[in-house]
Amino acid sequence: MSGLSPEEMQKNMEAWTTWLKGLAEKGILAAGDPLEKEGQVVAGRKKVVTDGPFAESKELVGGYLIVNAQSLSEATEIAKDCPIHDTDGSTEVREIRPLNM
């Protein structure tokens, strides 16, 4: 989005607002938030803590949404309408695996 004009950024934010409101009105938006750019990474058995994340920009995760869908295919269809695609972004769709405790 850094290459967008202020007007284009505003239009993109309006598209996000409209899309998210639509998901909420349909009752399929369960949760979602943007993520901060900074964080920390805990790695290995020694639990070494470093500032991060250090993912390459092409792998950067900027936020998440949890939607209620009947299948991975349905969630993928929902993702196709995400405004991130208007700025050449991408979405990754995964099911949440329940913890067996």
PDB file of N, CA and C in Angstrom:
ATOM      1  N   MET A   1       0.814  -1.200   0.000  1.00  0.00           N
ATOM      2  CA  MET A   1       0.000   0.000   0.000  1.00  0.00           C
ATOM      3  C   MET A   1       0.852   1.255   0.000  1.00  0.00           C
ATOM      4  N   SER A   2       2.150   1.115   0.221  1.00  0.00           N
ATOM      5  CA  SER A   2       2.999   2.295   0.303  1.00  0.00           C
ATOM      6  C   SER A   2       3.041   3.079  -1.005  1.00  0.00           C
ATOM      7  N   GLY A   3       2.732   2.443  -2.132  1.00  0.00           N
ATOM      8  CA  GLY A   3       2.746   3.121  -3.409  1.00  0.00           C
ATOM      9  C   GLY A   3       1.439   3.799  -3.763  1.00  0.00           C
ATOM     10  N   LEU A   4       0.462   3.742  -2.872  1.00  0.00           N
ATOM     11  CA  LEU A   4      -0.848   4.334  -3.158  1.00  0.00           C
ATOM     12  C   LEU A   4      -0.890   5.807  -2.769  1.00  0.00           C
ATOM     13  N   SER A   5      -1.669   6.569  -3.499  1.00  0.00           N
ATOM     14  CA  SER A   5      -1.897   7.966  -3.160  1.00  0.00           C
ATOM     15  C   SER A   5      -2.803   8.018  -1.928  1.00  0.00           C
ATOM     16  N   PRO A   6      -2.871   9.160  -1.245  1.00  0.00           N
ATOM     17  CA  PRO A   6      -3.786   9.259  -0.101  1.00  0.00           C
ATOM     18  C   PRO A   6      -5.233   8.946  -0.475  1.00  0.00           C
ATOM     19  N   GLU A   7      -5.646   9.349  -1.666  1.00  0.00           N
ATOM     20  CA  GLU A   7      -7.014   9.061  -2.108  1.00  0.00           C
ATOM     21  C   GLU A   7      -7.218   7.566  -2.320  1.00  0.00           C
ATOM     22  N   GLU A   8      -6.211   6.916  -2.910  1.00  0.00           N
ATOM     23  CA  GLU A   8      -6.303   5.466  -3.124  1.00  0.00           C
ATOM     24  C   GLU A   8      -6.295   4.722  -1.795  1.00  0.00           C
ATOM     25  N   MET A   9      -5.492   5.198  -0.839  1.00  0.00           N
ATOM     26  CA  MET A   9      -5.464   4.575   0.484  1.00  0.00           C
ATOM     27  C   MET A   9      -6.827   4.704   1.163  1.00  0.00           C
ATOM     28  N   GLN A  10      -7.449   5.869   1.052  1.00  0.00           N
ATOM     29  CA  GLN A  10      -8.767   6.087   1.635  1.00  0.00           C
ATOM     30  C   GLN A  10      -9.798   5.157   0.994  1.00  0.00           C
ATOM     31  N   LYS A  11      -9.744   5.046  -0.326  1.00  0.00           N
ATOM     32  CA  LYS A  11     -10.677   4.169  -1.043  1.00  0.00           C
ATOM     33  C   LYS A  11     -10.482   2.709  -0.612  1.00  0.00           C
ATOM     34  N   ASN A  12      -9.220   2.309  -0.427  1.00  0.00           N
ATOM     35  CA  ASN A  12      -8.924   0.948   0.008  1.00  0.00           C
ATOM     36  C   ASN A  12      -9.451   0.701   1.418  1.00  0.00           C
ATOM     37  N   MET A  13      -9.278   1.663   2.317  1.00  0.00           N
ATOM     38  CA  MET A  13      -9.780   1.512   3.687  1.00  0.00           C
ATOM     39  C   MET A  13     -11.306   1.433   3.699  1.00  0.00           C
ATOM     40  N   GLU A  14     -11.953   2.186   2.829  1.00  0.00           N
ATOM     41  CA  GLU A  14     -13.415   2.120   2.728  1.00  0.00           C
ATOM     42  C   GLU A  14     -13.846   0.738   2.228  1.00  0.00           C
ATOM     43  N   ALA A  15     -13.084   0.169   1.294  1.00  0.00           N
ATOM     44  CA  ALA A  15     -13.402  -1.176   0.801  1.00  0.00           C
ATOM     45  C   ALA A  15     -13.275  -2.197   1.927  1.00  0.00           C
ATOM     46  N   TRP A  16     -12.227  -2.059   2.750  1.00  0.00           N
ATOM     47  CA  TRP A  16     -12.047  -2.960   3.888  1.00  0.00           C
ATOM     48  C   TRP A  16     -13.225  -2.836   4.860  1.00  0.00           C
ATOM     49  N   THR A  17     -13.606  -1.603   5.172  1.00  0.00           N
ATOM     50  CA  THR A  17     -14.715  -1.378   6.104  1.00  0.00           C
ATOM     51  C   THR A  17     -16.003  -2.002   5.585  1.00  0.00           C
ATOM     52  N   THR A  18     -16.280  -1.788   4.311  1.00  0.00           N
ATOM     53  CA  THR A  18     -17.495  -2.350   3.700  1.00  0.00           C
ATOM     54  C   THR A  18     -17.453  -3.870   3.738  1.00  0.00           C
ATOM     55  N   TRP A  19     -16.319  -4.463   3.380  1.00  0.00           N
ATOM     56  CA  TRP A  19     -16.192  -5.921   3.346  1.00  0.00           C
ATOM     57  C   TRP A  19     -16.368  -6.511   4.741  1.00  0.00           C
ATOM     58  N   LEU A  20     -15.686  -5.925   5.731  1.00  0.00           N
ATOM     59  CA  LEU A  20     -15.782  -6.442   7.098  1.00  0.00           C
ATOM     60  C   LEU A  20     -17.193  -6.292   7.663  1.00  0.00           C
ATOM     61  N   LYS A  21     -17.837  -5.161   7.404  1.00  0.00           N
ATOM     62  CA  LYS A  21     -19.224  -4.982   7.859  1.00  0.00           C
ATOM     63  C   LYS A  21     -20.135  -6.021   7.223  1.00  0.00           C
ATOM     64  N   GLY A  22     -19.907  -6.321   5.941  1.00  0.00           N
ATOM     65  CA  GLY A  22     -20.706  -7.332   5.258  1.00  0.00           C
ATOM     66  C   GLY A  22     -20.538  -8.711   5.879  1.00  0.00           C
ATOM     67  N   LEU A  23     -19.286  -9.067   6.214  1.00  0.00           N
ATOM     68  CA  LEU A  23     -19.043 -10.356   6.877  1.00  0.00           C
ATOM     69  C   LEU A  23     -19.736 -10.398   8.237  1.00  0.00           C
ATOM     70  N   ALA A  24     -19.665  -9.287   8.977  1.00  0.00           N
ATOM     71  CA  ALA A  24     -20.296  -9.234  10.296  1.00  0.00           C
ATOM     72  C   ALA A  24     -21.819  -9.345  10.176  1.00  0.00           C
ATOM     73  N   GLU A  25     -22.399  -8.654   9.201  1.00  0.00           N
ATOM     74  CA  GLU A  25     -23.849  -8.705   9.009  1.00  0.00           C
ATOM     75  C   GLU A  25     -24.326 -10.103   8.628  1.00  0.00           C
ATOM     76  N   LYS A  26     -23.491 -10.855   7.909  1.00  0.00           N
ATOM     77  CA  LYS A  26     -23.835 -12.228   7.543  1.00  0.00           C
ATOM     78  C   LYS A  26     -23.608 -13.194   8.703  1.00  0.00           C
ATOM     79  N   GLY A  27     -22.982 -12.711   9.780  1.00  0.00           N
ATOM     80  CA  GLY A  27     -22.716 -13.556  10.942  1.00  0.00           C
ATOM     81  C   GLY A  27     -21.564 -14.514  10.754  1.00  0.00           C
ATOM     82  N   ILE A  28     -20.674 -14.236   9.802  1.00  0.00           N
ATOM     83  CA  ILE A  28     -19.565 -15.168   9.569  1.00  0.00           C
ATOM     84  C   ILE A  28     -18.223 -14.641  10.056  1.00  0.00           C
ATOM     85  N   LEU A  29     -18.158 -13.394  10.490  1.00  0.00           N
ATOM     86  CA  LEU A  29     -16.916 -12.841  11.027  1.00  0.00           C
ATOM     87  C   LEU A  29     -16.843 -13.171  12.503  1.00  0.00           C
ATOM     88  N   ALA A  30     -15.875 -13.998  12.887  1.00  0.00           N
ATOM     89  CA  ALA A  30     -15.748 -14.397  14.287  1.00  0.00           C
ATOM     90  C   ALA A  30     -14.727 -13.527  15.022  1.00  0.00           C
ATOM     91  N   ALA A  31     -13.632 -13.133  14.347  1.00  0.00           N
ATOM     92  CA  ALA A  31     -12.591 -12.323  14.979  1.00  0.00           C
ATOM     93  C   ALA A  31     -11.648 -11.813  13.902  1.00  0.00           C
ATOM     94  N   GLY A  32     -10.873 -10.823  14.247  1.00  0.00           N
ATOM     95  CA  GLY A  32      -9.873 -10.321  13.325  1.00  0.00           C
ATOM     96  C   GLY A  32      -9.266  -9.038  13.820  1.00  0.00           C
ATOM     97  N   ASP A  33      -7.975  -8.905  13.599  1.00  0.00           N
ATOM     98  CA  ASP A  33      -7.249  -7.706  14.006  1.00  0.00           C
ATOM     99  C   ASP A  33      -5.992  -7.570  13.164  1.00  0.00           C
ATOM    100  N   PRO A  34      -5.548  -6.329  12.965  1.00  0.00           N
ATOM    101  CA  PRO A  34      -4.235  -6.162  12.348  1.00  0.00           C
ATOM    102  C   PRO A  34      -3.167  -6.529  13.374  1.00  0.00           C
ATOM    103  N   LEU A  35      -1.991  -6.853  12.914  1.00  0.00           N
ATOM    104  CA  LEU A  35      -0.882  -7.171  13.801  1.00  0.00           C
ATOM    105  C   LEU A  35       0.136  -6.038  13.760  1.00  0.00           C
ATOM    106  N   GLU A  36       0.790  -5.778  14.898  1.00  0.00           N
ATOM    107  CA  GLU A  36       1.849  -4.776  14.948  1.00  0.00           C
ATOM    108  C   GLU A  36       3.020  -5.246  14.099  1.00  0.00           C
ATOM    109  N   LYS A  37       3.817  -4.300  13.609  1.00  0.00           N
ATOM    110  CA  LYS A  37       4.964  -4.645  12.771  1.00  0.00           C
ATOM    111  C   LYS A  37       6.106  -5.243  13.590  1.00  0.00           C
ATOM    112  N   GLU A  38       6.202  -4.857  14.844  1.00  0.00           N
ATOM    113  CA  GLU A  38       7.282  -5.334  15.701  1.00  0.00           C
ATOM    114  C   GLU A  38       6.796  -6.477  16.579  1.00  0.00           C
ATOM    115  N   GLY A  39       7.722  -7.300  17.026  1.00  0.00           N
ATOM    116  CA  GLY A  39       7.392  -8.399  17.908  1.00  0.00           C
ATOM    117  C   GLY A  39       8.654  -9.065  18.387  1.00  0.00           C
ATOM    118  N   GLN A  40       8.531 -10.231  18.930  1.00  0.00           N
ATOM    119  CA  GLN A  40       9.682 -11.006  19.362  1.00  0.00           C
ATOM    120  C   GLN A  40       9.517 -12.439  18.901  1.00  0.00           C
ATOM    121  N   VAL A  41      10.647 -13.087  18.716  1.00  0.00           N
ATOM    122  CA  VAL A  41      10.673 -14.474  18.292  1.00  0.00           C
ATOM    123  C   VAL A  41      11.320 -15.291  19.405  1.00  0.00           C
ATOM    124  N   VAL A  42      10.675 -16.369  19.812  1.00  0.00           N
ATOM    125  CA  VAL A  42      11.240 -17.315  20.774  1.00  0.00           C
ATOM    126  C   VAL A  42      11.581 -18.562  19.975  1.00  0.00           C
ATOM    127  N   ALA A  43      12.849 -18.993  20.028  1.00  0.00           N
ATOM    128  CA  ALA A  43      13.281 -20.087  19.161  1.00  0.00           C
ATOM    129  C   ALA A  43      14.083 -21.147  19.911  1.00  0.00           C
ATOM    130  N   GLY A  44      13.856 -22.373  19.509  1.00  0.00           N
ATOM    131  CA  GLY A  44      14.670 -23.499  19.944  1.00  0.00           C
ATOM    132  C   GLY A  44      14.457 -23.937  21.372  1.00  0.00           C
ATOM    133  N   ARG A  45      15.177 -24.997  21.721  1.00  0.00           N
ATOM    134  CA  ARG A  45      15.072 -25.569  23.067  1.00  0.00           C
ATOM    135  C   ARG A  45      15.575 -24.626  24.141  1.00  0.00           C
ATOM    136  N   LYS A  46      16.509 -23.755  23.765  1.00  0.00           N
ATOM    137  CA  LYS A  46      17.040 -22.789  24.737  1.00  0.00           C
ATOM    138  C   LYS A  46      16.151 -21.561  24.864  1.00  0.00           C
ATOM    139  N   LYS A  47      15.106 -21.508  24.038  1.00  0.00           N
ATOM    140  CA  LYS A  47      14.124 -20.421  24.084  1.00  0.00           C
ATOM    141  C   LYS A  47      14.779 -19.054  23.951  1.00  0.00           C
ATOM    142  N   VAL A  48      15.655 -18.932  22.962  1.00  0.00           N
ATOM    143  CA  VAL A  48      16.346 -17.679  22.701  1.00  0.00           C
ATOM    144  C   VAL A  48      15.339 -16.659  22.176  1.00  0.00           C
ATOM    145  N   VAL A  49      15.319 -15.496  22.801  1.00  0.00           N
ATOM    146  CA  VAL A  49      14.379 -14.445  22.422  1.00  0.00           C
ATOM    147  C   VAL A  49      15.133 -13.376  21.636  1.00  0.00           C
ATOM    148  N   THR A  50      14.610 -13.062  20.447  1.00  0.00           N
ATOM    149  CA  THR A  50      15.184 -11.998  19.630  1.00  0.00           C
ATOM    150  C   THR A  50      14.063 -11.078  19.168  1.00  0.00           C
ATOM    151  N   ASP A  51      14.441  -9.852  18.823  1.00  0.00           N
ATOM    152  CA  ASP A  51      13.452  -8.941  18.255  1.00  0.00           C
ATOM    153  C   ASP A  51      13.073  -9.452  16.880  1.00  0.00           C
ATOM    154  N   GLY A  52      11.859  -9.243  16.490  1.00  0.00           N
ATOM    155  CA  GLY A  52      11.406  -9.724  15.196  1.00  0.00           C
ATOM    156  C   GLY A  52      10.016  -9.190  14.936  1.00  0.00           C
ATOM    157  N   PRO A  53       9.253  -9.741  14.073  1.00  0.00           N
ATOM    158  CA  PRO A  53       9.589 -10.938  13.283  1.00  0.00           C
ATOM    159  C   PRO A  53      10.562 -10.613  12.160  1.00  0.00           C
ATOM    160  N   PHE A  54      11.260 -11.619  11.709  1.00  0.00           N
ATOM    161  CA  PHE A  54      12.250 -11.440  10.663  1.00  0.00           C
ATOM    162  C   PHE A  54      11.840 -12.082   9.353  1.00  0.00           C
ATOM    163  N   ALA A  55      10.564 -12.336   9.177  1.00  0.00           N
ATOM    164  CA  ALA A  55      10.106 -12.915   7.914  1.00  0.00           C
ATOM    165  C   ALA A  55      10.419 -11.968   6.769  1.00  0.00           C
ATOM    166  N   GLU A  56      10.731 -12.530   5.624  1.00  0.00           N
ATOM    167  CA  GLU A  56      10.924 -11.696   4.451  1.00  0.00           C
ATOM    168  C   GLU A  56       9.619 -10.975   4.160  1.00  0.00           C
ATOM    169  N   SER A  57       9.712  -9.799   3.559  1.00  0.00           N
ATOM    170  CA  SER A  57       8.501  -9.017   3.330  1.00  0.00           C
ATOM    171  C   SER A  57       7.473  -9.784   2.522  1.00  0.00           C
ATOM    172  N   LYS A  58       7.927 -10.673   1.636  1.00  0.00           N
ATOM    173  CA  LYS A  58       6.959 -11.443   0.859  1.00  0.00           C
ATOM    174  C   LYS A  58       6.213 -12.451   1.721  1.00  0.00           C
ATOM    175  N   GLU A  59       6.713 -12.708   2.942  1.00  0.00           N
ATOM    176  CA  GLU A  59       6.078 -13.667   3.845  1.00  0.00           C
ATOM    177  C   GLU A  59       5.399 -12.993   5.028  1.00  0.00           C
ATOM    178  N   LEU A  60       5.409 -11.679   5.077  1.00  0.00           N
ATOM    179  CA  LEU A  60       4.907 -10.935   6.210  1.00  0.00           C
ATOM    180  C   LEU A  60       3.399 -11.119   6.383  1.00  0.00           C
ATOM    181  N   VAL A  61       2.976 -11.360   7.609  1.00  0.00           N
ATOM    182  CA  VAL A  61       1.561 -11.471   7.942  1.00  0.00           C
ATOM    183  C   VAL A  61       1.164 -10.167   8.608  1.00  0.00           C
ATOM    184  N   GLY A  62       0.175  -9.482   8.043  1.00  0.00           N
ATOM    185  CA  GLY A  62      -0.221  -8.187   8.567  1.00  0.00           C
ATOM    186  C   GLY A  62      -1.421  -8.227   9.485  1.00  0.00           C
ATOM    187  N   GLY A  63      -2.126  -9.331   9.512  1.00  0.00           N
ATOM    188  CA  GLY A  63      -3.303  -9.443  10.359  1.00  0.00           C
ATOM    189  C   GLY A  63      -3.981 -10.778  10.137  1.00  0.00           C
ATOM    190  N   TYR A  64      -5.102 -10.955  10.790  1.00  0.00           N
ATOM    191  CA  TYR A  64      -5.827 -12.213  10.641  1.00  0.00           C
ATOM    192  C   TYR A  64      -7.320 -11.963  10.747  1.00  0.00           C
ATOM    193  N   LEU A  65      -8.082 -12.856  10.169  1.00  0.00           N
ATOM    194  CA  LEU A  65      -9.529 -12.888  10.324  1.00  0.00           C
ATOM    195  C   LEU A  65      -9.921 -14.326  10.587  1.00  0.00           C
ATOM    196  N   ILE A  66     -10.871 -14.518  11.437  1.00  0.00           N
ATOM    197  CA  ILE A  66     -11.451 -15.839  11.648  1.00  0.00           C
ATOM    198  C   ILE A  66     -12.900 -15.743  11.188  1.00  0.00           C
ATOM    199  N   VAL A  67     -13.252 -16.588  10.232  1.00  0.00           N
ATOM    200  CA  VAL A  67     -14.625 -16.608   9.728  1.00  0.00           C
ATOM    201  C   VAL A  67     -15.239 -17.973  10.016  1.00  0.00           C
ATOM    202  N   ASN A  68     -16.538 -17.972  10.173  1.00  0.00           N
ATOM    203  CA  ASN A  68     -17.271 -19.220  10.345  1.00  0.00           C
ATOM    204  C   ASN A  68     -17.693 -19.699   8.963  1.00  0.00           C
ATOM    205  N   ALA A  69     -17.114 -20.798   8.531  1.00  0.00           N
ATOM    206  CA  ALA A  69     -17.431 -21.367   7.226  1.00  0.00           C
ATOM    207  C   ALA A  69     -17.630 -22.870   7.398  1.00  0.00           C
ATOM    208  N   GLN A  70     -18.395 -23.452   6.504  1.00  0.00           N
ATOM    209  CA  GLN A  70     -18.681 -24.880   6.581  1.00  0.00           C
ATOM    210  C   GLN A  70     -17.531 -25.740   6.055  1.00  0.00           C
ATOM    211  N   SER A  71     -16.635 -25.124   5.274  1.00  0.00           N
ATOM    212  CA  SER A  71     -15.546 -25.895   4.680  1.00  0.00           C
ATOM    213  C   SER A  71     -14.405 -24.959   4.296  1.00  0.00           C
ATOM    214  N   LEU A  72     -13.268 -25.547   3.989  1.00  0.00           N
ATOM    215  CA  LEU A  72     -12.128 -24.775   3.495  1.00  0.00           C
ATOM    216  C   LEU A  72     -12.490 -24.089   2.186  1.00  0.00           C
ATOM    217  N   SER A  73     -13.245 -24.774   1.352  1.00  0.00           N
ATOM    218  CA  SER A  73     -13.673 -24.187   0.075  1.00  0.00           C
ATOM    219  C   SER A  73     -14.535 -22.950   0.282  1.00  0.00           C
ATOM    220  N   GLU A  74     -15.454 -23.013   1.226  1.00  0.00           N
ATOM    221  CA  GLU A  74     -16.306 -21.852   1.499  1.00  0.00           C
ATOM    222  C   GLU A  74     -15.471 -20.688   2.026  1.00  0.00           C
ATOM    223  N   ALA A  75     -14.533 -20.964   2.920  1.00  0.00           N
ATOM    224  CA  ALA A  75     -13.666 -19.909   3.444  1.00  0.00           C
ATOM    225  C   ALA A  75     -12.810 -19.305   2.337  1.00  0.00           C
ATOM    226  N   THR A  76     -12.370 -20.133   1.411  1.00  0.00           N
ATOM    227  CA  THR A  76     -11.585 -19.641   0.276  1.00  0.00           C
ATOM    228  C   THR A  76     -12.418 -18.720  -0.597  1.00  0.00           C
ATOM    229  N   GLU A  77     -13.666 -19.057  -0.802  1.00  0.00           N
ATOM    230  CA  GLU A  77     -14.556 -18.190  -1.582  1.00  0.00           C
ATOM    231  C   GLU A  77     -14.746 -16.846  -0.891  1.00  0.00           C
ATOM    232  N   ILE A  78     -14.874 -16.866   0.433  1.00  0.00           N
ATOM    233  CA  ILE A  78     -15.000 -15.629   1.198  1.00  0.00           C
ATOM    234  C   ILE A  78     -13.733 -14.785   1.023  1.00  0.00           C
ATOM    235  N   ALA A  79     -12.591 -15.425   1.076  1.00  0.00           N
ATOM    236  CA  ALA A  79     -11.309 -14.721   0.949  1.00  0.00           C
ATOM    237  C   ALA A  79     -11.126 -14.064  -0.411  1.00  0.00           C
ATOM    238  N   LYS A  80     -11.749 -14.610  -1.430  1.00  0.00           N
ATOM    239  CA  LYS A  80     -11.601 -14.041  -2.769  1.00  0.00           C
ATOM    240  C   LYS A  80     -12.114 -12.609  -2.854  1.00  0.00           C
ATOM    241  N   ASP A  81     -13.033 -12.230  -1.952  1.00  0.00           N
ATOM    242  CA  ASP A  81     -13.582 -10.874  -1.955  1.00  0.00           C
ATOM    243  C   ASP A  81     -12.782  -9.906  -1.091  1.00  0.00           C
ATOM    244  N   CYS A  82     -11.711 -10.362  -0.458  1.00  0.00           N
ATOM    245  CA  CYS A  82     -10.924  -9.518   0.436  1.00  0.00           C
ATOM    246  C   CYS A  82     -10.261  -8.373  -0.342  1.00  0.00           C
ATOM    247  N   PRO A  83     -10.367  -7.146   0.164  1.00  0.00           N
ATOM    248  CA  PRO A  83      -9.771  -5.992  -0.515  1.00  0.00           C
ATOM    249  C   PRO A  83      -8.251  -6.045  -0.642  1.00  0.00           C
ATOM    250  N   ILE A  84      -7.575  -6.920   0.078  1.00  0.00           N
ATOM    251  CA  ILE A  84      -6.115  -7.016  -0.043  1.00  0.00           C
ATOM    252  C   ILE A  84      -5.706  -7.347  -1.473  1.00  0.00           C
ATOM    253  N   HIS A  85      -6.590  -8.044  -2.181  1.00  0.00           N
ATOM    254  CA  HIS A  85      -6.280  -8.439  -3.553  1.00  0.00           C
ATOM    255  C   HIS A  85      -6.278  -7.253  -4.506  1.00  0.00           C
ATOM    256  N   ASP A  86      -6.959  -6.159  -4.124  1.00  0.00           N
ATOM    257  CA  ASP A  86      -6.981  -4.951  -4.959  1.00  0.00           C
ATOM    258  C   ASP A  86      -5.623  -4.256  -4.996  1.00  0.00           C
ATOM    259  N   THR A  87      -4.762  -4.553  -4.030  1.00  0.00           N
ATOM    260  CA  THR A  87      -3.424  -3.965  -3.989  1.00  0.00           C
ATOM    261  C   THR A  87      -2.351  -5.035  -4.199  1.00  0.00           C
ATOM    262  N   ASP A  88      -2.730  -6.091  -4.895  1.00  0.00           N
ATOM    263  CA  ASP A  88      -1.831  -7.208  -5.218  1.00  0.00           C
ATOM    264  C   ASP A  88      -1.389  -8.009  -3.999  1.00  0.00           C
ATOM    265  N   GLY A  89      -2.138  -7.909  -2.899  1.00  0.00           N
ATOM    266  CA  GLY A  89      -1.824  -8.697  -1.723  1.00  0.00           C
ATOM    267  C   GLY A  89      -2.372 -10.109  -1.866  1.00  0.00           C
ATOM    268  N   SER A  90      -2.140 -10.903  -0.843  1.00  0.00           N
ATOM    269  CA  SER A  90      -2.617 -12.282  -0.886  1.00  0.00           C
ATOM    270  C   SER A  90      -3.230 -12.669   0.450  1.00  0.00           C
ATOM    271  N   THR A  91      -4.026 -13.703   0.419  1.00  0.00           N
ATOM    272  CA  THR A  91      -4.607 -14.258   1.629  1.00  0.00           C
ATOM    273  C   THR A  91      -4.208 -15.721   1.723  1.00  0.00           C
ATOM    274  N   GLU A  92      -4.049 -16.185   2.927  1.00  0.00           N
ATOM    275  CA  GLU A  92      -3.786 -17.605   3.179  1.00  0.00           C
ATOM    276  C   GLU A  92      -4.969 -18.123   3.976  1.00  0.00           C
ATOM    277  N   VAL A  93      -5.580 -19.186   3.522  1.00  0.00           N
ATOM    278  CA  VAL A  93      -6.781 -19.716   4.162  1.00  0.00           C
ATOM    279  C   VAL A  93      -6.433 -21.057   4.795  1.00  0.00           C
ATOM    280  N   ARG A  94      -6.726 -21.168   6.082  1.00  0.00           N
ATOM    281  CA  ARG A  94      -6.461 -22.414   6.805  1.00  0.00           C
ATOM    282  C   ARG A  94      -7.607 -22.692   7.763  1.00  0.00           C
ATOM    283  N   GLU A  95      -7.802 -23.955   8.040  1.00  0.00           N
ATOM    284  CA  GLU A  95      -8.748 -24.336   9.083  1.00  0.00           C
ATOM    285  C   GLU A  95      -8.016 -24.266  10.424  1.00  0.00           C
ATOM    286  N   ILE A  96      -8.779 -24.030  11.478  1.00  0.00           N
ATOM    287  CA  ILE A  96      -8.212 -24.049  12.833  1.00  0.00           C
ATOM    288  C   ILE A  96      -8.269 -25.478  13.323  1.00  0.00           C
ATOM    289  N   ARG A  97      -7.127 -25.985  13.715  1.00  0.00           N
ATOM    290  CA  ARG A  97      -7.063 -27.353  14.228  1.00  0.00           C
ATOM    291  C   ARG A  97      -7.351 -27.324  15.730  1.00  0.00           C
ATOM    292  N   PRO A  98      -8.360 -28.068  16.177  1.00  0.00           N
ATOM    293  CA  PRO A  98      -8.664 -28.081  17.617  1.00  0.00           C
ATOM    294  C   PRO A  98      -7.552 -28.778  18.402  1.00  0.00           C
ATOM    295  N   LEU A  99      -7.303 -28.259  19.596  1.00  0.00           N
ATOM    296  CA  LEU A  99      -6.355 -28.902  20.491  1.00  0.00           C
ATOM    297  C   LEU A  99      -7.069 -30.033  21.221  1.00  0.00           C
ATOM    298  N   ASN A 100      -6.461 -31.182  21.244  1.00  0.00           N
ATOM    299  CA  ASN A 100      -7.024 -32.320  21.974  1.00  0.00           C
ATOM    300  C   ASN A 100      -6.391 -32.370  23.344  1.00  0.00           C
ATOM    301  N   MET A 101      -7.122 -31.928  24.331  1.00  0.00           N
ATOM    302  CA  MET A 101      -6.568 -31.888  25.692  1.00  0.00           C
ATOM    303  C   MET A 101      -7.349 -32.803  26.586  1.00  0.00           C
TER     304      MET A 101
END
